[in-house]
Amino acid sequence: MQCPVCSEELKLAERQGVEIDYCPKCRGIWLDPGELDKIITRSATIESNRAHADNEREQQHYTPPPPPRHGEYGYQK
């Protein structure tokens, strides 16, 4: 297949199970039908997993502050 912009022969690369046609000359990228949806879905899944892992890490390191003692911060018993 040839690049629609510069007529160079397109190369094929596979990223995360998605085949991407690209032009080595003009650096254009062409996707077959449905490939953009696959990329978006996988990207959203990766981002969701990353956010979940970050949230778990924050919860593991959270230490609540000690309760106020008599006389601190206006606390009166």
N, C-alpha and C. Protein backbone atom coordinates (compact mmCIF):
# COMPACT_ATOMS: atom_id res chain seq x y z
N MET A 1 0.85 -1.18 0.00
CA MET A 1 0.00 0.00 0.00
C MET A 1 0.90 1.24 0.00
N GLN A 2 0.47 2.25 -0.71
CA GLN A 2 1.27 3.47 -0.81
C GLN A 2 0.66 4.60 0.02
N CYS A 3 1.54 5.47 0.49
CA CYS A 3 1.11 6.63 1.28
C CYS A 3 0.27 7.55 0.40
N PRO A 4 -0.90 7.95 0.88
CA PRO A 4 -1.73 8.85 0.09
C PRO A 4 -1.16 10.27 -0.01
N VAL A 5 -0.18 10.61 0.82
CA VAL A 5 0.40 11.95 0.80
C VAL A 5 1.62 12.02 -0.11
N CYS A 6 2.57 11.08 0.07
CA CYS A 6 3.84 11.19 -0.66
C CYS A 6 4.14 9.98 -1.55
N SER A 7 3.24 9.00 -1.62
CA SER A 7 3.36 7.81 -2.47
C SER A 7 4.47 6.85 -2.06
N GLU A 8 5.06 7.04 -0.89
CA GLU A 8 6.07 6.11 -0.37
C GLU A 8 5.36 4.82 0.07
N GLU A 9 6.05 3.71 0.01
CA GLU A 9 5.49 2.44 0.46
C GLU A 9 5.29 2.48 1.98
N LEU A 10 4.08 2.16 2.44
CA LEU A 10 3.78 2.18 3.87
C LEU A 10 4.42 0.98 4.56
N LYS A 11 4.82 1.17 5.79
CA LYS A 11 5.36 0.11 6.64
C LYS A 11 4.28 -0.27 7.64
N LEU A 12 4.40 -1.47 8.19
CA LEU A 12 3.43 -1.96 9.16
C LEU A 12 4.11 -2.13 10.50
N ALA A 13 3.49 -1.63 11.54
CA ALA A 13 3.99 -1.80 12.91
C ALA A 13 2.83 -2.31 13.77
N GLU A 14 3.15 -3.13 14.74
CA GLU A 14 2.12 -3.61 15.67
C GLU A 14 2.41 -3.07 17.05
N ARG A 15 1.41 -2.46 17.64
CA ARG A 15 1.53 -1.91 18.99
C ARG A 15 0.33 -2.37 19.79
N GLN A 16 0.58 -3.11 20.85
CA GLN A 16 -0.47 -3.60 21.75
C GLN A 16 -1.58 -4.31 20.98
N GLY A 17 -1.20 -5.11 19.99
CA GLY A 17 -2.17 -5.89 19.24
C GLY A 17 -2.89 -5.12 18.14
N VAL A 18 -2.50 -3.88 17.88
CA VAL A 18 -3.12 -3.07 16.84
C VAL A 18 -2.10 -2.84 15.74
N GLU A 19 -2.48 -3.19 14.50
CA GLU A 19 -1.58 -2.98 13.37
C GLU A 19 -1.74 -1.55 12.86
N ILE A 20 -0.63 -0.86 12.74
CA ILE A 20 -0.63 0.54 12.32
C ILE A 20 0.19 0.66 11.05
N ASP A 21 -0.39 1.25 10.00
CA ASP A 21 0.34 1.54 8.78
C ASP A 21 0.94 2.93 8.92
N TYR A 22 2.24 3.04 8.66
CA TYR A 22 2.88 4.35 8.76
C TYR A 22 3.82 4.57 7.59
N CYS A 23 4.06 5.84 7.30
CA CYS A 23 4.95 6.22 6.22
C CYS A 23 6.30 6.64 6.80
N PRO A 24 7.38 5.96 6.40
CA PRO A 24 8.69 6.32 6.94
C PRO A 24 9.21 7.66 6.41
N LYS A 25 8.62 8.14 5.31
CA LYS A 25 9.10 9.39 4.71
C LYS A 25 8.42 10.61 5.34
N CYS A 26 7.09 10.65 5.32
CA CYS A 26 6.38 11.84 5.83
C CYS A 26 5.86 11.65 7.25
N ARG A 27 6.04 10.44 7.81
CA ARG A 27 5.66 10.10 9.19
C ARG A 27 4.15 10.08 9.40
N GLY A 28 3.39 9.97 8.31
CA GLY A 28 1.93 9.85 8.41
C GLY A 28 1.53 8.50 8.97
N ILE A 29 0.39 8.44 9.63
CA ILE A 29 -0.11 7.22 10.24
C ILE A 29 -1.53 6.98 9.73
N TRP A 30 -1.80 5.75 9.32
CA TRP A 30 -3.13 5.39 8.85
C TRP A 30 -3.60 4.16 9.60
N LEU A 31 -4.86 4.21 10.02
CA LEU A 31 -5.46 3.12 10.78
C LEU A 31 -6.60 2.52 9.97
N ASP A 32 -6.76 1.21 10.07
CA ASP A 32 -7.88 0.54 9.44
C ASP A 32 -9.12 0.76 10.30
N PRO A 33 -10.32 0.52 9.74
CA PRO A 33 -11.55 0.71 10.52
C PRO A 33 -11.50 -0.10 11.83
N GLY A 34 -11.87 0.54 12.90
CA GLY A 34 -11.92 -0.10 14.21
C GLY A 34 -10.63 -0.04 15.00
N GLU A 35 -9.52 0.27 14.35
CA GLU A 35 -8.24 0.29 15.06
C GLU A 35 -8.14 1.46 16.04
N LEU A 36 -8.68 2.60 15.69
CA LEU A 36 -8.67 3.74 16.62
C LEU A 36 -9.48 3.41 17.87
N ASP A 37 -10.62 2.74 17.68
CA ASP A 37 -11.43 2.34 18.83
C ASP A 37 -10.66 1.39 19.75
N LYS A 38 -9.89 0.46 19.15
CA LYS A 38 -9.08 -0.45 19.95
C LYS A 38 -8.03 0.32 20.76
N ILE A 39 -7.39 1.27 20.13
CA ILE A 39 -6.36 2.07 20.81
C ILE A 39 -6.98 2.85 21.97
N ILE A 40 -8.12 3.48 21.72
CA ILE A 40 -8.78 4.27 22.76
C ILE A 40 -9.20 3.37 23.93
N THR A 41 -9.78 2.22 23.62
CA THR A 41 -10.23 1.30 24.68
C THR A 41 -9.06 0.82 25.51
N ARG A 42 -7.99 0.42 24.85
CA ARG A 42 -6.83 -0.08 25.59
C ARG A 42 -6.17 1.03 26.40
N SER A 43 -6.13 2.22 25.84
CA SER A 43 -5.55 3.34 26.57
C SER A 43 -6.37 3.67 27.81
N ALA A 44 -7.69 3.65 27.67
CA ALA A 44 -8.57 3.93 28.82
C ALA A 44 -8.40 2.85 29.89
N THR A 45 -8.25 1.59 29.47
CA THR A 45 -8.06 0.50 30.42
C THR A 45 -6.74 0.66 31.17
N ILE A 46 -5.69 0.99 30.45
CA ILE A 46 -4.39 1.19 31.07
C ILE A 46 -4.45 2.35 32.06
N GLU A 47 -5.07 3.46 31.67
CA GLU A 47 -5.17 4.63 32.54
C GLU A 47 -6.00 4.31 33.78
N SER A 48 -7.08 3.55 33.60
CA SER A 48 -7.92 3.17 34.73
C SER A 48 -7.14 2.29 35.71
N ASN A 49 -6.38 1.33 35.16
CA ASN A 49 -5.57 0.46 36.02
C ASN A 49 -4.51 1.27 36.76
N ARG A 50 -3.91 2.24 36.09
CA ARG A 50 -2.88 3.08 36.72
C ARG A 50 -3.50 3.91 37.84
N ALA A 51 -4.66 4.49 37.60
CA ALA A 51 -5.32 5.30 38.63
C ALA A 51 -5.71 4.43 39.83
N HIS A 52 -6.18 3.22 39.55
CA HIS A 52 -6.55 2.31 40.64
C HIS A 52 -5.33 1.95 41.48
N ALA A 53 -4.21 1.67 40.82
CA ALA A 53 -2.98 1.33 41.54
C ALA A 53 -2.48 2.51 42.36
N ASP A 54 -2.55 3.73 41.79
CA ASP A 54 -2.14 4.93 42.52
C ASP A 54 -3.02 5.13 43.75
N ASN A 55 -4.32 4.91 43.60
CA ASN A 55 -5.25 5.08 44.71
C ASN A 55 -4.95 4.07 45.82
N GLU A 56 -4.66 2.82 45.44
CA GLU A 56 -4.31 1.82 46.45
C GLU A 56 -3.02 2.18 47.17
N ARG A 57 -2.05 2.69 46.44
CA ARG A 57 -0.77 3.08 47.05
C ARG A 57 -0.99 4.22 48.04
N GLU A 58 -1.83 5.18 47.68
CA GLU A 58 -2.10 6.31 48.60
C GLU A 58 -2.79 5.81 49.86
N GLN A 59 -3.72 4.89 49.72
CA GLN A 59 -4.43 4.39 50.88
C GLN A 59 -3.51 3.59 51.80
N GLN A 60 -2.55 2.89 51.24
CA GLN A 60 -1.64 2.10 52.04
C GLN A 60 -0.71 2.98 52.85
N HIS A 61 -0.37 4.15 52.35
CA HIS A 61 0.57 5.02 53.03
C HIS A 61 -0.10 6.09 53.90
N TYR A 62 -1.42 6.13 53.90
CA TYR A 62 -2.12 7.14 54.67
C TYR A 62 -2.11 6.78 56.15
N THR A 63 -1.67 7.71 56.97
CA THR A 63 -1.71 7.56 58.41
C THR A 63 -2.53 8.71 58.96
N PRO A 64 -3.65 8.41 59.61
CA PRO A 64 -4.48 9.50 60.12
C PRO A 64 -3.74 10.26 61.22
N PRO A 65 -4.03 11.54 61.33
CA PRO A 65 -3.36 12.32 62.38
C PRO A 65 -3.83 11.86 63.76
N PRO A 66 -3.00 12.06 64.78
CA PRO A 66 -3.43 11.66 66.12
C PRO A 66 -4.55 12.58 66.60
N PRO A 67 -5.38 12.07 67.49
CA PRO A 67 -6.46 12.93 68.00
C PRO A 67 -5.87 14.09 68.80
N PRO A 68 -6.57 15.23 68.82
CA PRO A 68 -6.04 16.37 69.57
C PRO A 68 -6.01 16.07 71.06
N ARG A 69 -5.00 16.62 71.72
CA ARG A 69 -4.90 16.46 73.18
C ARG A 69 -5.52 17.68 73.85
N HIS A 70 -5.79 17.56 75.11
CA HIS A 70 -6.41 18.65 75.85
C HIS A 70 -5.61 19.94 75.69
N GLY A 71 -6.30 20.98 75.28
CA GLY A 71 -5.66 22.28 75.13
C GLY A 71 -5.13 22.55 73.73
N GLU A 72 -5.00 21.54 72.87
CA GLU A 72 -4.51 21.74 71.51
C GLU A 72 -5.67 22.13 70.59
N TYR A 73 -5.44 23.09 69.75
CA TYR A 73 -6.41 23.50 68.73
C TYR A 73 -7.75 23.87 69.32
N GLY A 74 -7.76 24.40 70.52
CA GLY A 74 -9.00 24.83 71.16
C GLY A 74 -9.82 23.68 71.72
N TYR A 75 -9.24 22.49 71.74
CA TYR A 75 -9.96 21.32 72.25
C TYR A 75 -10.06 21.38 73.76
N GLN A 76 -11.26 21.27 74.28
CA GLN A 76 -11.47 21.26 75.73
C GLN A 76 -12.30 20.01 76.07
N LYS A 77 -11.88 19.34 77.12
CA LYS A 77 -12.61 18.15 77.56
C LYS A 77 -13.74 18.51 78.45
